């Protein structure tokens, strides 16, 4: 259901022409890229649940997980606001309403799957195969740290190619790395739904609330 909703959201936004999806998927049609990511993500989530005791949704801890996710999102909201006021991110960094309402939940899901869940599943599986005698906590920590790098690297490369100042690149790299660490911690501690909720809390502030205020009123 979630994957179908993500495909539908991206398709609708693509039809509007409000977003240049070549920035994210190159010349691959967005719907094809989204289907591929969703299939890979479903496989990764299954492997992690079956072989490493991760959960997609755990009812018993979901309420606690939501509260934890909301609290942990606050420092990132504060940090990105300060960075925006001091360094001034490009005015077009946020997609405007109403497309943003469909775009960000869908792209948040895709970013988590492609840049965190799939790498994490691969790294942890390799660790379990290659180093079965090592402590599980060590394999988890290494996998979390390494799987937190792809999104930071992707965003920094995109930022550098558009000629953004070095200080902005540095902030993006550091904040997204720790963002990924927190996401995967929430996945391990609670479930994938909590991990996704954390990103949505942050997106609601940065991309929807603050993002549209900066476009129309602030900057």
Protein backbone atom coordinates (compact mmCIF):
# COMPACT_ATOMS: atom_id res chain seq x y z
CA UNK A 1 0.00 0.00 0.00
CA UNK A 2 2.71 2.46 0.95
CA UNK A 3 4.73 1.73 -2.18
CA UNK A 4 1.64 2.18 -4.37
CA UNK A 5 0.91 5.53 -2.70
CA UNK A 6 4.49 6.67 -3.26
CA UNK A 7 4.35 5.74 -6.95
CA UNK A 8 1.04 7.60 -7.30
CA UNK A 9 2.36 10.73 -5.55
CA UNK A 10 5.49 10.91 -7.69
CA UNK A 11 3.46 10.34 -10.87
CA UNK A 12 1.04 13.14 -10.01
CA UNK A 13 3.85 15.58 -9.22
CA UNK A 14 5.66 14.55 -12.41
CA UNK A 15 2.53 15.32 -14.46
CA UNK A 16 2.33 18.81 -12.96
CA UNK A 17 5.88 19.62 -14.08
CA UNK A 18 6.54 21.29 -10.72
CA UNK A 19 9.71 19.28 -10.08
CA UNK A 20 12.62 18.40 -12.34
CA UNK A 21 13.03 14.73 -11.47
CA UNK A 22 16.21 14.50 -13.53
CA UNK A 23 17.97 15.93 -10.48
CA UNK A 24 17.08 12.74 -8.61
CA UNK A 25 16.71 9.98 -11.22
CA UNK A 26 18.71 11.21 -14.20
CA UNK A 27 17.04 10.29 -17.49
CA UNK A 28 15.14 7.35 -16.01
CA UNK A 29 11.37 7.97 -16.00
CA UNK A 30 10.36 8.75 -12.40
CA UNK A 31 7.71 6.03 -12.15
CA UNK A 32 10.15 3.35 -13.29
CA UNK A 33 12.82 4.55 -10.86
CA UNK A 34 10.31 4.65 -8.00
CA UNK A 35 9.06 1.12 -8.68
CA UNK A 36 12.65 -0.16 -8.73
CA UNK A 37 13.47 1.55 -5.42
CA UNK A 38 10.29 0.26 -3.77
CA UNK A 39 10.95 -3.32 -4.86
CA UNK A 40 14.52 -3.12 -3.57
CA UNK A 41 13.27 -1.60 -0.33
CA UNK A 42 10.67 -4.29 0.27
CA UNK A 43 13.38 -6.91 -0.19
CA UNK A 44 15.72 -5.13 2.20
CA UNK A 45 13.03 -4.68 4.86
CA UNK A 46 12.13 -8.37 4.57
CA UNK A 47 15.75 -9.47 4.97
CA UNK A 48 16.28 -7.23 7.98
CA UNK A 49 13.08 -8.44 9.64
CA UNK A 50 13.66 -12.14 8.95
CA UNK A 51 17.36 -12.40 9.72
CA UNK A 52 18.16 -9.47 12.05
CA UNK A 53 14.99 -9.02 14.14
CA UNK A 54 14.08 -5.58 12.79
CA UNK A 55 10.41 -4.59 12.53
CA UNK A 56 8.47 -2.60 9.98
CA UNK A 57 5.82 -1.80 12.57
CA UNK A 58 5.76 -2.71 16.27
CA UNK A 59 2.46 -1.75 17.84
CA UNK A 60 3.62 -2.13 21.43
CA UNK A 61 6.25 0.61 21.14
CA UNK A 62 4.87 2.79 18.36
CA UNK A 63 3.50 5.57 20.59
CA UNK A 64 6.78 5.81 22.50
CA UNK A 65 8.64 5.74 19.19
CA UNK A 66 6.62 8.65 17.81
CA UNK A 67 7.36 10.76 20.88
CA UNK A 68 11.05 9.91 20.68
CA UNK A 69 11.15 10.69 16.95
CA UNK A 70 9.47 14.05 17.48
CA UNK A 71 11.91 15.04 20.24
CA UNK A 72 14.97 13.92 18.28
CA UNK A 73 13.83 15.91 15.24
CA UNK A 74 13.87 19.21 17.14
CA UNK A 75 17.68 19.72 17.23
CA UNK A 76 17.82 19.21 13.46
CA UNK A 77 15.01 21.73 12.96
CA UNK A 78 16.87 24.28 15.06
CA UNK A 79 20.18 23.62 13.34
CA UNK A 80 18.85 23.96 9.80
CA UNK A 81 16.98 27.17 10.72
CA UNK A 82 20.13 28.74 12.15
CA UNK A 83 22.12 27.60 9.11
CA UNK A 84 19.54 29.07 6.75
CA UNK A 85 19.51 32.41 8.54
CA UNK A 86 23.31 32.58 8.64
CA UNK A 87 24.28 31.04 5.28
CA UNK A 88 21.07 31.49 3.25
CA UNK A 89 20.28 28.33 1.34
CA UNK A 90 19.17 28.86 -2.28
CA UNK A 91 15.61 30.13 -2.53
CA UNK A 92 14.61 27.22 -4.80
CA UNK A 93 15.82 24.50 -2.42
CA UNK A 94 12.23 23.83 -1.31
CA UNK A 95 9.40 22.64 -3.54
CA UNK A 96 6.42 24.96 -3.19
CA UNK A 97 2.86 24.15 -2.21
CA UNK A 98 0.67 22.37 -3.21
CA UNK A 99 3.10 19.96 -4.91
CA UNK A 100 5.18 19.78 -1.73
CA UNK A 101 2.37 17.96 0.09
CA UNK A 102 2.74 14.96 -2.22
CA UNK A 103 6.40 15.34 -3.10
CA UNK A 104 8.08 15.31 0.30
CA UNK A 105 6.38 12.31 1.95
CA UNK A 106 7.05 10.29 -1.20
CA UNK A 107 10.64 11.44 -1.66
CA UNK A 108 11.31 10.99 2.04
CA UNK A 109 10.25 7.37 1.74
CA UNK A 110 12.41 6.86 -1.36
CA UNK A 111 15.44 8.55 0.18
CA UNK A 112 15.22 6.38 3.27
CA UNK A 113 14.87 3.20 1.25
CA UNK A 114 17.52 3.88 -1.40
CA UNK A 115 20.10 5.70 0.71
CA UNK A 116 19.70 4.07 4.14
CA UNK A 117 17.67 0.85 4.27
CA UNK A 118 19.14 -0.91 1.23
CA UNK A 119 22.77 0.00 2.10
CA UNK A 120 22.15 -0.94 5.74
CA UNK A 121 20.67 -4.32 4.80
CA UNK A 122 23.62 -5.07 2.51
CA UNK A 123 26.24 -3.97 5.03
CA UNK A 124 24.69 -5.80 7.97
CA UNK A 125 24.19 -8.96 5.92
CA UNK A 126 27.82 -8.86 4.79
CA UNK A 127 28.94 -8.30 8.37
CA UNK A 128 26.91 -11.26 9.56
CA UNK A 129 28.42 -13.47 6.86
CA UNK A 130 32.03 -12.30 7.05
CA UNK A 131 32.31 -11.70 10.79
CA UNK A 132 29.84 -14.08 12.46
CA UNK A 133 32.01 -14.40 15.56
CA UNK A 134 32.09 -10.67 16.25
CA UNK A 135 29.66 -8.99 18.61
CA UNK A 136 26.32 -8.09 17.04
CA UNK A 137 26.48 -4.61 18.59
CA UNK A 138 29.76 -3.98 16.76
CA UNK A 139 28.33 -5.12 13.43
CA UNK A 140 25.28 -2.94 13.96
CA UNK A 141 27.32 0.16 14.83
CA UNK A 142 29.60 -0.20 11.84
CA UNK A 143 26.68 -0.81 9.50
CA UNK A 144 24.75 2.19 10.87
CA UNK A 145 27.73 4.52 10.49
CA UNK A 146 28.50 3.40 6.93
CA UNK A 147 24.84 3.38 5.86
CA UNK A 148 24.48 6.96 7.10
CA UNK A 149 27.00 8.22 4.54
CA UNK A 150 25.22 7.80 1.15
CA UNK A 151 22.55 10.46 1.62
CA UNK A 152 25.06 12.97 2.94
CA UNK A 153 27.37 12.25 0.00
CA UNK A 154 24.51 12.49 -2.53
CA UNK A 155 23.35 15.86 -1.22
CA UNK A 156 26.85 17.31 -1.00
CA UNK A 157 27.70 16.26 -4.56
CA UNK A 158 24.46 17.88 -5.75
CA UNK A 159 25.21 21.02 -3.76
CA UNK A 160 28.79 21.25 -5.03
CA UNK A 161 27.71 20.82 -8.63
CA UNK A 162 25.41 23.82 -8.26
CA UNK A 163 28.23 25.94 -6.82
CA UNK A 164 27.04 26.31 -3.26
CA UNK A 165 29.44 27.82 -0.65
CA UNK A 166 31.75 25.40 1.16
CA UNK A 167 30.21 26.18 4.56
CA UNK A 168 26.79 25.09 3.32
CA UNK A 169 28.30 21.88 1.92
CA UNK A 170 29.98 21.18 5.25
CA UNK A 171 26.78 21.77 7.20
CA UNK A 172 24.77 19.55 4.87
CA UNK A 173 27.32 16.75 5.09
CA UNK A 174 27.53 16.75 8.89
CA UNK A 175 23.82 17.22 9.57
CA UNK A 176 22.71 14.55 7.10
CA UNK A 177 25.23 12.07 8.44
CA UNK A 178 23.91 12.45 11.99
CA UNK A 179 20.36 12.51 10.61
CA UNK A 180 21.00 9.08 9.11
CA UNK A 181 22.50 7.76 12.33
CA UNK A 182 19.41 8.84 14.28
CA UNK A 183 17.10 7.31 11.68
CA UNK A 184 18.78 3.93 11.82
CA UNK A 185 18.93 4.08 15.61
CA UNK A 186 15.15 4.58 15.65
CA UNK A 187 14.73 1.70 13.24
CA UNK A 188 16.74 -0.58 15.52
CA UNK A 189 15.17 0.66 18.75
CA UNK A 190 11.57 0.80 17.52
CA UNK A 191 10.61 0.07 13.91
CA UNK A 192 10.69 1.40 10.35
CA UNK A 193 7.46 3.34 10.86
CA UNK A 194 9.14 5.33 13.64
CA UNK A 195 12.17 5.94 11.45
CA UNK A 196 9.92 7.29 8.70
CA UNK A 197 7.93 9.41 11.16
CA UNK A 198 11.17 11.07 12.28
CA UNK A 199 11.87 12.18 8.72
CA UNK A 200 8.30 13.36 8.22
CA UNK A 201 8.41 15.46 11.40
CA UNK A 202 11.56 17.13 10.09
CA UNK A 203 10.17 17.57 6.56
CA UNK A 204 6.96 19.11 7.87
CA UNK A 205 9.02 21.81 9.49
CA UNK A 206 11.91 22.37 7.06
CA UNK A 207 10.27 21.76 3.70
CA UNK A 208 6.66 22.70 4.41
CA UNK A 209 6.41 25.21 7.27
CA UNK A 210 9.76 27.02 7.27
CA UNK A 211 10.41 26.25 3.62
CA UNK A 212 7.32 28.03 2.39
CA UNK A 213 7.69 30.90 4.85
CA UNK A 214 11.17 31.58 3.52
CA UNK A 215 9.93 31.51 -0.06
CA UNK A 216 6.93 33.80 0.36
CA UNK A 217 7.73 36.04 3.34
CA UNK A 218 11.24 35.83 4.73
CA UNK A 219 13.81 35.78 1.97
